N, C-alpha and C. Protein backbone atom coordinates (compact mmCIF):
# COMPACT_ATOMS: atom_id res chain seq x y z
N MET A 1 -34.12 13.31 -37.81
CA MET A 1 -33.26 14.30 -37.19
C MET A 1 -33.13 14.07 -35.68
N PHE A 2 -34.29 13.80 -35.08
CA PHE A 2 -34.29 13.54 -33.63
C PHE A 2 -33.49 12.28 -33.30
N LYS A 3 -33.58 11.30 -34.22
CA LYS A 3 -32.82 10.06 -34.03
C LYS A 3 -31.32 10.34 -34.09
N GLN A 4 -30.92 11.21 -35.03
CA GLN A 4 -29.50 11.55 -35.16
C GLN A 4 -28.99 12.26 -33.91
N ILE A 5 -29.80 13.19 -33.39
CA ILE A 5 -29.41 13.91 -32.16
C ILE A 5 -29.29 12.93 -30.99
N ALA A 6 -30.28 12.03 -30.91
CA ALA A 6 -30.26 11.04 -29.82
C ALA A 6 -29.04 10.14 -29.92
N LEU A 7 -28.70 9.72 -31.17
CA LEU A 7 -27.53 8.87 -31.37
C LEU A 7 -26.25 9.60 -30.99
N LYS A 8 -26.17 10.90 -31.39
CA LYS A 8 -25.00 11.70 -31.06
C LYS A 8 -24.84 11.84 -29.55
N LYS A 9 -25.97 12.05 -28.86
CA LYS A 9 -25.92 12.18 -27.40
C LYS A 9 -25.48 10.88 -26.74
N SER A 10 -26.00 9.76 -27.29
CA SER A 10 -25.63 8.46 -26.74
C SER A 10 -24.15 8.19 -26.94
N PHE A 11 -23.66 8.52 -28.14
CA PHE A 11 -22.25 8.31 -28.44
C PHE A 11 -21.37 9.18 -27.55
N LEU A 12 -21.79 10.45 -27.36
CA LEU A 12 -21.04 11.37 -26.51
C LEU A 12 -20.99 10.87 -25.06
N ALA A 13 -22.14 10.39 -24.57
CA ALA A 13 -22.21 9.87 -23.20
C ALA A 13 -21.29 8.66 -23.03
N LEU A 14 -21.28 7.78 -24.05
CA LEU A 14 -20.44 6.60 -24.01
C LEU A 14 -18.96 6.99 -24.00
N ALA A 15 -18.61 7.97 -24.83
CA ALA A 15 -17.21 8.42 -24.91
C ALA A 15 -16.76 9.01 -23.60
N VAL A 16 -17.61 9.86 -23.00
CA VAL A 16 -17.28 10.48 -21.71
C VAL A 16 -17.13 9.43 -20.63
N SER A 17 -18.04 8.45 -20.67
CA SER A 17 -17.99 7.37 -19.68
C SER A 17 -16.70 6.56 -19.82
N SER A 18 -16.31 6.28 -21.07
CA SER A 18 -15.10 5.51 -21.32
C SER A 18 -13.87 6.25 -20.85
N ILE A 19 -13.82 7.56 -21.13
CA ILE A 19 -12.70 8.38 -20.69
C ILE A 19 -12.61 8.38 -19.17
N GLY A 20 -13.77 8.47 -18.51
CA GLY A 20 -13.81 8.46 -17.05
C GLY A 20 -13.26 7.18 -16.48
N VAL A 21 -13.64 6.04 -17.11
CA VAL A 21 -13.16 4.74 -16.64
C VAL A 21 -11.66 4.62 -16.84
N MET A 22 -11.19 5.06 -18.04
CA MET A 22 -9.76 4.97 -18.34
C MET A 22 -8.92 5.84 -17.42
N SER A 23 -9.49 6.93 -16.94
CA SER A 23 -8.72 7.86 -16.11
C SER A 23 -8.72 7.51 -14.63
N LEU A 24 -9.54 6.49 -14.26
CA LEU A 24 -9.57 6.10 -12.86
C LEU A 24 -8.24 5.48 -12.45
N PRO A 25 -7.73 5.81 -11.27
CA PRO A 25 -6.46 5.23 -10.84
C PRO A 25 -6.60 3.74 -10.55
N ALA A 26 -5.56 2.98 -10.80
CA ALA A 26 -5.59 1.55 -10.51
C ALA A 26 -5.67 1.33 -9.00
N LEU A 27 -6.50 0.37 -8.61
CA LEU A 27 -6.66 0.09 -7.19
C LEU A 27 -5.52 -0.78 -6.70
N ALA A 28 -5.12 -0.57 -5.45
CA ALA A 28 -4.07 -1.39 -4.85
C ALA A 28 -4.58 -2.81 -4.68
N ASP A 29 -3.69 -3.78 -4.83
CA ASP A 29 -4.06 -5.18 -4.64
C ASP A 29 -4.18 -5.49 -3.15
N THR A 30 -5.06 -6.43 -2.83
CA THR A 30 -5.25 -6.86 -1.44
C THR A 30 -4.56 -8.20 -1.23
N TYR A 31 -3.81 -8.31 -0.14
CA TYR A 31 -3.08 -9.52 0.21
C TYR A 31 -3.56 -10.04 1.56
N VAL A 32 -3.72 -11.35 1.66
CA VAL A 32 -4.04 -12.00 2.93
C VAL A 32 -2.73 -12.47 3.55
N ILE A 33 -2.51 -12.12 4.81
CA ILE A 33 -1.27 -12.54 5.49
C ILE A 33 -1.25 -14.06 5.60
N ASP A 34 -0.14 -14.66 5.17
CA ASP A 34 -0.04 -16.11 5.08
C ASP A 34 0.36 -16.74 6.42
N THR A 35 -0.62 -16.79 7.32
CA THR A 35 -0.40 -17.48 8.60
C THR A 35 -0.60 -18.98 8.45
N LYS A 36 -1.42 -19.38 7.49
CA LYS A 36 -1.68 -20.81 7.27
C LYS A 36 -0.39 -21.53 6.91
N GLY A 37 0.42 -20.90 6.07
CA GLY A 37 1.69 -21.50 5.68
C GLY A 37 2.83 -21.13 6.61
N ALA A 38 2.51 -20.43 7.69
CA ALA A 38 3.52 -19.98 8.67
C ALA A 38 4.61 -19.16 8.02
N HIS A 39 4.20 -18.26 7.10
CA HIS A 39 5.15 -17.36 6.46
C HIS A 39 5.00 -15.94 7.00
N ALA A 40 4.62 -15.86 8.24
CA ALA A 40 4.49 -14.57 8.92
C ALA A 40 4.66 -14.81 10.41
N SER A 41 5.16 -13.80 11.12
CA SER A 41 5.34 -13.95 12.56
C SER A 41 5.29 -12.59 13.25
N ILE A 42 4.81 -12.62 14.48
CA ILE A 42 4.81 -11.44 15.35
C ILE A 42 5.63 -11.82 16.59
N ASN A 43 6.82 -11.25 16.68
CA ASN A 43 7.76 -11.61 17.75
C ASN A 43 7.99 -10.42 18.68
N PHE A 44 8.40 -10.71 19.90
CA PHE A 44 8.69 -9.63 20.84
C PHE A 44 9.96 -9.93 21.61
N ALA A 45 10.57 -8.86 22.12
CA ALA A 45 11.78 -9.00 22.93
C ALA A 45 11.74 -7.94 24.02
N ILE A 46 12.08 -8.34 25.23
CA ILE A 46 12.12 -7.41 26.37
C ILE A 46 13.27 -7.81 27.28
N LYS A 47 13.94 -6.82 27.84
CA LYS A 47 15.03 -7.13 28.77
C LYS A 47 14.45 -7.67 30.07
N HIS A 48 15.08 -8.70 30.60
CA HIS A 48 14.65 -9.27 31.87
C HIS A 48 15.55 -8.75 32.98
N LEU A 49 15.02 -7.78 33.71
CA LEU A 49 15.73 -7.17 34.84
C LEU A 49 17.05 -6.50 34.43
N GLY A 50 17.25 -6.34 33.12
CA GLY A 50 18.48 -5.74 32.64
C GLY A 50 19.62 -6.72 32.53
N TYR A 51 19.35 -8.03 32.77
CA TYR A 51 20.40 -9.03 32.77
C TYR A 51 20.42 -9.90 31.52
N SER A 52 19.28 -10.00 30.86
CA SER A 52 19.18 -10.82 29.66
C SER A 52 18.00 -10.31 28.83
N VAL A 53 17.81 -10.90 27.66
CA VAL A 53 16.69 -10.52 26.79
C VAL A 53 15.76 -11.70 26.65
N LEU A 54 14.51 -11.49 27.02
CA LEU A 54 13.48 -12.51 26.89
C LEU A 54 12.79 -12.32 25.54
N THR A 55 12.64 -13.42 24.79
CA THR A 55 11.98 -13.35 23.49
C THR A 55 10.75 -14.25 23.47
N GLY A 56 9.83 -13.94 22.58
CA GLY A 56 8.63 -14.74 22.43
C GLY A 56 7.88 -14.33 21.19
N ARG A 57 6.68 -14.85 21.07
CA ARG A 57 5.87 -14.56 19.88
C ARG A 57 4.40 -14.76 20.19
N PHE A 58 3.57 -14.34 19.26
CA PHE A 58 2.14 -14.65 19.30
C PHE A 58 1.87 -15.67 18.20
N ASP A 59 1.35 -16.82 18.60
CA ASP A 59 1.19 -17.92 17.64
C ASP A 59 -0.01 -17.75 16.72
N THR A 60 -1.04 -17.03 17.17
CA THR A 60 -2.29 -16.94 16.41
C THR A 60 -2.63 -15.49 16.09
N PHE A 61 -2.70 -15.18 14.82
CA PHE A 61 -3.10 -13.85 14.37
C PHE A 61 -3.57 -13.95 12.92
N SER A 62 -4.20 -12.90 12.45
CA SER A 62 -4.69 -12.87 11.07
C SER A 62 -4.72 -11.43 10.60
N GLY A 63 -4.85 -11.25 9.29
CA GLY A 63 -4.94 -9.89 8.78
C GLY A 63 -4.72 -9.83 7.28
N GLU A 64 -4.78 -8.63 6.77
CA GLU A 64 -4.55 -8.40 5.36
C GLU A 64 -3.99 -7.00 5.15
N PHE A 65 -3.45 -6.79 3.96
CA PHE A 65 -2.95 -5.46 3.63
C PHE A 65 -3.18 -5.19 2.15
N THR A 66 -3.24 -3.92 1.81
CA THR A 66 -3.29 -3.54 0.41
C THR A 66 -1.94 -2.94 0.05
N TYR A 67 -1.55 -3.16 -1.21
CA TYR A 67 -0.23 -2.67 -1.61
C TYR A 67 -0.19 -2.45 -3.12
N ASP A 68 0.29 -1.28 -3.51
CA ASP A 68 0.53 -0.93 -4.90
C ASP A 68 1.96 -0.41 -4.98
N PRO A 69 2.89 -1.16 -5.63
CA PRO A 69 4.29 -0.73 -5.66
C PRO A 69 4.48 0.64 -6.30
N ALA A 70 3.52 1.05 -7.14
CA ALA A 70 3.63 2.37 -7.78
C ALA A 70 3.20 3.48 -6.83
N LYS A 71 2.46 3.10 -5.78
CA LYS A 71 1.98 4.10 -4.83
C LYS A 71 1.90 3.48 -3.43
N PRO A 72 3.04 3.13 -2.85
CA PRO A 72 3.03 2.46 -1.54
C PRO A 72 2.42 3.30 -0.42
N GLU A 73 2.44 4.62 -0.59
CA GLU A 73 1.87 5.49 0.46
C GLU A 73 0.36 5.33 0.59
N ALA A 74 -0.26 4.68 -0.39
CA ALA A 74 -1.71 4.45 -0.34
C ALA A 74 -2.05 3.09 0.28
N SER A 75 -1.05 2.37 0.75
CA SER A 75 -1.26 1.04 1.31
C SER A 75 -2.01 1.11 2.64
N THR A 76 -2.60 -0.02 3.02
CA THR A 76 -3.30 -0.13 4.30
C THR A 76 -2.95 -1.48 4.94
N VAL A 77 -3.05 -1.53 6.27
CA VAL A 77 -2.77 -2.76 7.02
C VAL A 77 -3.81 -2.93 8.11
N ASN A 78 -4.26 -4.17 8.30
CA ASN A 78 -5.24 -4.47 9.34
C ASN A 78 -4.91 -5.84 9.92
N VAL A 79 -4.58 -5.89 11.21
CA VAL A 79 -4.15 -7.14 11.84
C VAL A 79 -4.90 -7.35 13.16
N SER A 80 -5.26 -8.60 13.42
CA SER A 80 -5.90 -8.98 14.69
C SER A 80 -5.07 -10.09 15.33
N ILE A 81 -4.78 -9.94 16.62
CA ILE A 81 -3.91 -10.88 17.33
C ILE A 81 -4.67 -11.52 18.49
N ASP A 82 -4.57 -12.84 18.60
CA ASP A 82 -5.10 -13.56 19.75
C ASP A 82 -4.06 -13.46 20.87
N THR A 83 -4.32 -12.59 21.84
CA THR A 83 -3.32 -12.37 22.89
C THR A 83 -3.09 -13.60 23.76
N GLY A 84 -4.07 -14.50 23.81
CA GLY A 84 -3.92 -15.73 24.57
C GLY A 84 -2.92 -16.69 23.95
N SER A 85 -2.50 -16.40 22.71
CA SER A 85 -1.55 -17.28 22.03
C SER A 85 -0.11 -16.89 22.31
N VAL A 86 0.12 -15.99 23.28
CA VAL A 86 1.48 -15.57 23.62
C VAL A 86 2.31 -16.80 23.99
N ASN A 87 3.54 -16.84 23.49
CA ASN A 87 4.37 -18.02 23.66
C ASN A 87 5.82 -17.58 23.88
N SER A 88 6.28 -17.72 25.13
CA SER A 88 7.68 -17.39 25.45
C SER A 88 8.49 -18.65 25.74
N ASN A 89 7.90 -19.80 25.35
CA ASN A 89 8.57 -21.10 25.52
C ASN A 89 8.73 -21.48 27.00
N HIS A 90 7.78 -21.02 27.83
CA HIS A 90 7.81 -21.34 29.26
C HIS A 90 6.37 -21.27 29.77
N ALA A 91 5.78 -22.40 30.07
CA ALA A 91 4.35 -22.48 30.38
C ALA A 91 3.94 -21.60 31.56
N GLU A 92 4.68 -21.63 32.66
CA GLU A 92 4.31 -20.84 33.83
C GLU A 92 4.43 -19.35 33.55
N ARG A 93 5.46 -18.95 32.82
CA ARG A 93 5.62 -17.53 32.47
C ARG A 93 4.50 -17.10 31.54
N ASP A 94 4.14 -17.94 30.58
CA ASP A 94 3.06 -17.58 29.66
C ASP A 94 1.74 -17.43 30.40
N LYS A 95 1.52 -18.25 31.42
CA LYS A 95 0.32 -18.12 32.24
C LYS A 95 0.30 -16.76 32.92
N HIS A 96 1.47 -16.32 33.40
CA HIS A 96 1.56 -15.01 34.05
C HIS A 96 1.36 -13.90 33.02
N LEU A 97 1.92 -14.06 31.82
CA LEU A 97 1.76 -13.04 30.78
C LEU A 97 0.29 -12.88 30.37
N ARG A 98 -0.50 -13.94 30.49
CA ARG A 98 -1.92 -13.87 30.13
C ARG A 98 -2.77 -13.24 31.24
N SER A 99 -2.19 -13.10 32.41
CA SER A 99 -2.94 -12.60 33.57
C SER A 99 -3.14 -11.08 33.50
N ALA A 100 -3.87 -10.57 34.49
CA ALA A 100 -4.15 -9.12 34.56
C ALA A 100 -2.89 -8.29 34.81
N ASP A 101 -1.81 -8.93 35.22
CA ASP A 101 -0.54 -8.20 35.41
C ASP A 101 0.04 -7.71 34.08
N PHE A 102 -0.29 -8.45 33.01
CA PHE A 102 0.29 -8.12 31.71
C PHE A 102 -0.80 -7.92 30.64
N LEU A 103 -1.15 -8.98 29.92
CA LEU A 103 -2.04 -8.86 28.76
C LEU A 103 -3.52 -8.91 29.10
N ASN A 104 -3.85 -9.37 30.31
CA ASN A 104 -5.25 -9.40 30.74
C ASN A 104 -6.14 -10.08 29.68
N VAL A 105 -5.73 -11.27 29.29
CA VAL A 105 -6.35 -11.99 28.17
C VAL A 105 -7.83 -12.29 28.40
N GLU A 106 -8.20 -12.59 29.63
CA GLU A 106 -9.61 -12.92 29.91
C GLU A 106 -10.53 -11.75 29.56
N LYS A 107 -10.09 -10.55 29.84
CA LYS A 107 -10.90 -9.36 29.56
C LYS A 107 -10.67 -8.82 28.15
N PHE A 108 -9.44 -8.93 27.66
CA PHE A 108 -9.10 -8.39 26.34
C PHE A 108 -8.41 -9.47 25.50
N PRO A 109 -9.18 -10.38 24.92
CA PRO A 109 -8.60 -11.51 24.19
C PRO A 109 -8.00 -11.16 22.83
N LYS A 110 -8.27 -9.97 22.35
CA LYS A 110 -7.76 -9.56 21.04
C LYS A 110 -6.98 -8.25 21.13
N ALA A 111 -5.91 -8.19 20.35
CA ALA A 111 -5.21 -6.93 20.11
C ALA A 111 -5.32 -6.66 18.61
N THR A 112 -5.38 -5.40 18.23
CA THR A 112 -5.52 -5.07 16.82
C THR A 112 -4.58 -3.94 16.43
N PHE A 113 -4.23 -3.93 15.15
CA PHE A 113 -3.49 -2.80 14.58
C PHE A 113 -4.19 -2.40 13.29
N VAL A 114 -4.50 -1.11 13.19
CA VAL A 114 -5.14 -0.56 11.99
C VAL A 114 -4.32 0.64 11.53
N SER A 115 -3.81 0.58 10.31
CA SER A 115 -2.98 1.67 9.81
C SER A 115 -3.80 2.92 9.54
N LYS A 116 -3.16 4.07 9.67
CA LYS A 116 -3.80 5.36 9.40
C LYS A 116 -3.12 6.10 8.26
N LYS A 117 -1.81 5.95 8.15
CA LYS A 117 -1.09 6.58 7.04
C LYS A 117 0.26 5.90 6.84
N ILE A 118 0.80 6.06 5.63
CA ILE A 118 2.10 5.53 5.28
C ILE A 118 3.01 6.69 4.92
N VAL A 119 4.20 6.74 5.51
CA VAL A 119 5.16 7.80 5.22
C VAL A 119 6.38 7.17 4.55
N LEU A 120 6.66 7.57 3.32
CA LEU A 120 7.77 7.00 2.57
C LEU A 120 9.11 7.52 3.08
N ASP A 121 10.06 6.61 3.29
CA ASP A 121 11.43 6.98 3.63
C ASP A 121 12.34 6.82 2.41
N ASP A 122 12.10 5.75 1.68
CA ASP A 122 12.90 5.42 0.51
C ASP A 122 12.01 4.56 -0.39
N LYS A 123 12.56 4.08 -1.49
CA LYS A 123 11.78 3.28 -2.43
C LYS A 123 11.11 2.09 -1.76
N ASP A 124 11.86 1.33 -0.99
CA ASP A 124 11.33 0.13 -0.34
C ASP A 124 11.33 0.22 1.17
N GLU A 125 11.38 1.44 1.71
CA GLU A 125 11.34 1.63 3.16
C GLU A 125 10.32 2.71 3.49
N PHE A 126 9.51 2.44 4.49
CA PHE A 126 8.50 3.42 4.87
C PHE A 126 8.05 3.18 6.31
N ASP A 127 7.37 4.17 6.86
CA ASP A 127 6.81 4.08 8.21
C ASP A 127 5.31 3.90 8.12
N ILE A 128 4.80 2.94 8.85
CA ILE A 128 3.35 2.75 8.94
C ILE A 128 2.90 3.32 10.27
N VAL A 129 2.07 4.34 10.21
CA VAL A 129 1.51 4.96 11.41
C VAL A 129 0.09 4.44 11.58
N GLY A 130 -0.22 3.94 12.76
CA GLY A 130 -1.55 3.39 12.96
C GLY A 130 -1.88 3.22 14.43
N ASP A 131 -3.08 2.73 14.68
CA ASP A 131 -3.58 2.54 16.04
C ASP A 131 -3.40 1.10 16.50
N LEU A 132 -2.66 0.93 17.59
CA LEU A 132 -2.54 -0.37 18.24
C LEU A 132 -3.47 -0.39 19.44
N THR A 133 -4.35 -1.36 19.46
CA THR A 133 -5.24 -1.56 20.62
C THR A 133 -4.78 -2.80 21.35
N LEU A 134 -4.35 -2.62 22.60
CA LEU A 134 -3.79 -3.69 23.42
C LEU A 134 -4.20 -3.48 24.86
N ASN A 135 -4.68 -4.54 25.50
CA ASN A 135 -5.07 -4.46 26.91
C ASN A 135 -6.11 -3.35 27.14
N GLY A 136 -6.99 -3.18 26.15
CA GLY A 136 -8.07 -2.20 26.28
C GLY A 136 -7.68 -0.76 26.02
N VAL A 137 -6.43 -0.54 25.61
CA VAL A 137 -5.94 0.82 25.36
C VAL A 137 -5.56 0.96 23.89
N THR A 138 -5.93 2.08 23.29
CA THR A 138 -5.57 2.35 21.90
C THR A 138 -4.60 3.52 21.84
N LYS A 139 -3.44 3.26 21.22
CA LYS A 139 -2.41 4.28 21.08
C LYS A 139 -1.87 4.27 19.65
N SER A 140 -1.45 5.44 19.19
CA SER A 140 -0.80 5.52 17.88
C SER A 140 0.65 5.07 18.01
N ILE A 141 1.07 4.19 17.10
CA ILE A 141 2.45 3.75 17.05
C ILE A 141 2.96 3.87 15.62
N THR A 142 4.28 3.82 15.47
CA THR A 142 4.89 3.87 14.14
C THR A 142 5.75 2.63 13.95
N ILE A 143 5.49 1.90 12.87
CA ILE A 143 6.24 0.69 12.55
C ILE A 143 7.18 1.01 11.38
N GLU A 144 8.47 0.81 11.58
CA GLU A 144 9.44 0.99 10.51
C GLU A 144 9.47 -0.28 9.66
N VAL A 145 9.22 -0.11 8.36
CA VAL A 145 9.02 -1.26 7.47
C VAL A 145 10.00 -1.23 6.31
N GLU A 146 10.48 -2.41 5.95
CA GLU A 146 11.30 -2.57 4.75
C GLU A 146 10.69 -3.67 3.89
N LYS A 147 10.53 -3.38 2.62
CA LYS A 147 10.02 -4.39 1.70
C LYS A 147 11.09 -5.44 1.46
N VAL A 148 10.71 -6.73 1.59
CA VAL A 148 11.64 -7.83 1.36
C VAL A 148 11.62 -8.23 -0.12
N GLY A 149 10.42 -8.31 -0.69
CA GLY A 149 10.32 -8.67 -2.10
C GLY A 149 8.89 -9.00 -2.48
N GLU A 150 8.67 -9.21 -3.78
CA GLU A 150 7.37 -9.62 -4.28
C GLU A 150 7.55 -10.38 -5.59
N GLY A 151 6.56 -11.21 -5.91
CA GLY A 151 6.61 -11.96 -7.16
C GLY A 151 5.74 -13.19 -7.12
N LYS A 152 5.78 -13.95 -8.22
CA LYS A 152 4.98 -15.16 -8.34
C LYS A 152 5.55 -16.27 -7.46
N ASP A 153 4.66 -17.13 -6.97
CA ASP A 153 5.10 -18.29 -6.22
C ASP A 153 4.95 -19.55 -7.08
N PRO A 154 5.47 -20.70 -6.64
CA PRO A 154 5.42 -21.92 -7.46
C PRO A 154 4.02 -22.51 -7.63
N TRP A 155 3.03 -21.98 -6.92
CA TRP A 155 1.69 -22.55 -6.95
C TRP A 155 0.68 -21.69 -7.72
N GLY A 156 1.20 -20.75 -8.48
CA GLY A 156 0.33 -19.93 -9.32
C GLY A 156 -0.18 -18.67 -8.65
N GLY A 157 0.30 -18.39 -7.46
CA GLY A 157 -0.13 -17.18 -6.75
C GLY A 157 0.90 -16.07 -6.87
N TYR A 158 0.60 -14.98 -6.20
CA TYR A 158 1.52 -13.83 -6.19
C TYR A 158 1.65 -13.36 -4.76
N ARG A 159 2.89 -13.09 -4.32
CA ARG A 159 3.16 -12.76 -2.93
C ARG A 159 3.97 -11.48 -2.79
N ALA A 160 3.83 -10.85 -1.64
CA ALA A 160 4.65 -9.70 -1.28
C ALA A 160 5.00 -9.82 0.20
N GLY A 161 6.24 -9.49 0.55
CA GLY A 161 6.67 -9.65 1.93
C GLY A 161 7.41 -8.44 2.47
N PHE A 162 7.26 -8.23 3.78
CA PHE A 162 7.82 -7.05 4.45
C PHE A 162 8.32 -7.43 5.83
N SER A 163 9.35 -6.71 6.29
CA SER A 163 9.83 -6.82 7.67
C SER A 163 9.58 -5.49 8.37
N GLY A 164 9.18 -5.55 9.63
CA GLY A 164 8.92 -4.32 10.36
C GLY A 164 9.32 -4.43 11.82
N GLU A 165 9.53 -3.28 12.44
CA GLU A 165 9.82 -3.28 13.88
C GLU A 165 9.34 -1.98 14.51
N THR A 166 9.00 -2.09 15.76
CA THR A 166 8.59 -0.92 16.54
C THR A 166 8.84 -1.21 18.01
N THR A 167 8.84 -0.18 18.82
CA THR A 167 9.02 -0.33 20.26
C THR A 167 7.84 0.32 20.97
N ILE A 168 7.25 -0.39 21.91
CA ILE A 168 6.14 0.16 22.68
C ILE A 168 6.52 0.21 24.16
N THR A 169 5.92 1.15 24.86
CA THR A 169 6.15 1.31 26.30
C THR A 169 5.01 0.63 27.05
N LEU A 170 5.36 -0.26 27.97
CA LEU A 170 4.35 -1.08 28.66
C LEU A 170 3.30 -0.24 29.38
N LYS A 171 3.73 0.81 30.08
CA LYS A 171 2.77 1.60 30.86
C LYS A 171 1.77 2.32 29.96
N ASP A 172 2.14 2.57 28.68
CA ASP A 172 1.21 3.19 27.74
C ASP A 172 -0.01 2.32 27.49
N PHE A 173 0.16 1.01 27.70
CA PHE A 173 -0.93 0.07 27.46
C PHE A 173 -1.42 -0.57 28.76
N ASN A 174 -1.26 0.18 29.83
CA ASN A 174 -1.84 -0.18 31.13
C ASN A 174 -1.36 -1.54 31.64
N VAL A 175 -0.11 -1.88 31.35
CA VAL A 175 0.49 -3.10 31.91
C VAL A 175 0.91 -2.79 33.34
N LYS A 176 0.35 -3.51 34.29
CA LYS A 176 0.53 -3.19 35.70
C LYS A 176 1.86 -3.66 36.28
N MET A 177 2.38 -4.75 35.76
CA MET A 177 3.60 -5.33 36.32
C MET A 177 4.80 -4.45 36.00
N ASP A 178 5.57 -4.10 37.01
CA ASP A 178 6.78 -3.30 36.83
C ASP A 178 7.99 -4.21 37.00
N LEU A 179 8.71 -4.41 35.91
CA LEU A 179 9.87 -5.31 35.93
C LEU A 179 11.18 -4.57 36.14
N GLY A 180 11.09 -3.29 36.49
CA GLY A 180 12.30 -2.51 36.75
C GLY A 180 12.62 -1.55 35.60
N PRO A 181 13.53 -0.63 35.84
CA PRO A 181 13.83 0.43 34.87
C PRO A 181 14.36 -0.07 33.52
N ALA A 182 14.96 -1.25 33.49
CA ALA A 182 15.51 -1.76 32.23
C ALA A 182 14.47 -2.48 31.37
N SER A 183 13.27 -2.64 31.95
CA SER A 183 12.25 -3.46 31.27
C SER A 183 10.95 -2.69 31.06
N GLN A 184 11.07 -1.44 30.67
CA GLN A 184 9.89 -0.60 30.49
C GLN A 184 9.32 -0.66 29.07
N THR A 185 10.12 -1.14 28.13
CA THR A 185 9.69 -1.17 26.73
C THR A 185 9.82 -2.58 26.15
N VAL A 186 9.03 -2.82 25.12
CA VAL A 186 9.06 -4.10 24.40
C VAL A 186 9.30 -3.81 22.92
N GLN A 187 10.21 -4.53 22.33
CA GLN A 187 10.44 -4.40 20.90
C GLN A 187 9.62 -5.45 20.17
N LEU A 188 8.86 -5.01 19.18
CA LEU A 188 8.08 -5.92 18.35
C LEU A 188 8.77 -6.06 17.00
N GLU A 189 8.95 -7.30 16.57
CA GLU A 189 9.56 -7.58 15.28
C GLU A 189 8.57 -8.37 14.44
N LEU A 190 8.29 -7.85 13.25
CA LEU A 190 7.22 -8.40 12.43
C LEU A 190 7.76 -8.88 11.09
N GLU A 191 7.36 -10.08 10.73
CA GLU A 191 7.67 -10.63 9.41
C GLU A 191 6.35 -10.98 8.75
N VAL A 192 6.06 -10.34 7.62
CA VAL A 192 4.75 -10.49 7.00
C VAL A 192 4.89 -10.85 5.53
N GLU A 193 4.30 -11.97 5.16
CA GLU A 193 4.20 -12.35 3.76
C GLU A 193 2.73 -12.51 3.42
N GLY A 194 2.30 -11.84 2.36
CA GLY A 194 0.90 -11.87 1.98
C GLY A 194 0.70 -12.52 0.62
N ILE A 195 -0.46 -13.18 0.45
CA ILE A 195 -0.84 -13.77 -0.82
C ILE A 195 -1.93 -12.92 -1.45
N LYS A 196 -1.72 -12.52 -2.68
CA LYS A 196 -2.69 -11.66 -3.36
C LYS A 196 -4.02 -12.39 -3.53
N LYS A 197 -5.10 -11.71 -3.20
CA LYS A 197 -6.43 -12.29 -3.37
C LYS A 197 -6.76 -12.46 -4.85
């Protein structure tokens, strides 16, 4: 009799455990940003004295994101940027951009972005709200994102890609150089393709 009771309890515990496992929500997949294959970029644009637009990029960065197409609002993003890799296609200007007037690379060699929440706009469009740390200052920014696509690649992997943009104000990040009233903000344009782990 005691054996029967014990067996019933064991069976009940197993059933409850199985139901608990089956009811757990599926976890979002983790993707590594494909910088190795150069399928991602962090670009910037700023007006030069109000007469033209200067463009450039950061050549070295890394990061990953989680993404579940059934629940994109649960996604996360984490990116680290080597600020010394700034590249505006002009060596002397890049040297100035690395100085204390702008990015202060010697003191702050890394910039980071860590997402805090995702706000859905549409099926494949959403806002990523998170903390950008740049030049020793951390501020909340919002990146407007559009999903480009996802699917299998020719090498047996699975990829997902997104485009994003945001605008930051230089003085918010303690940039000392004043380039005039037309050059107070920088537009960041992001192209991100990730490979599922």
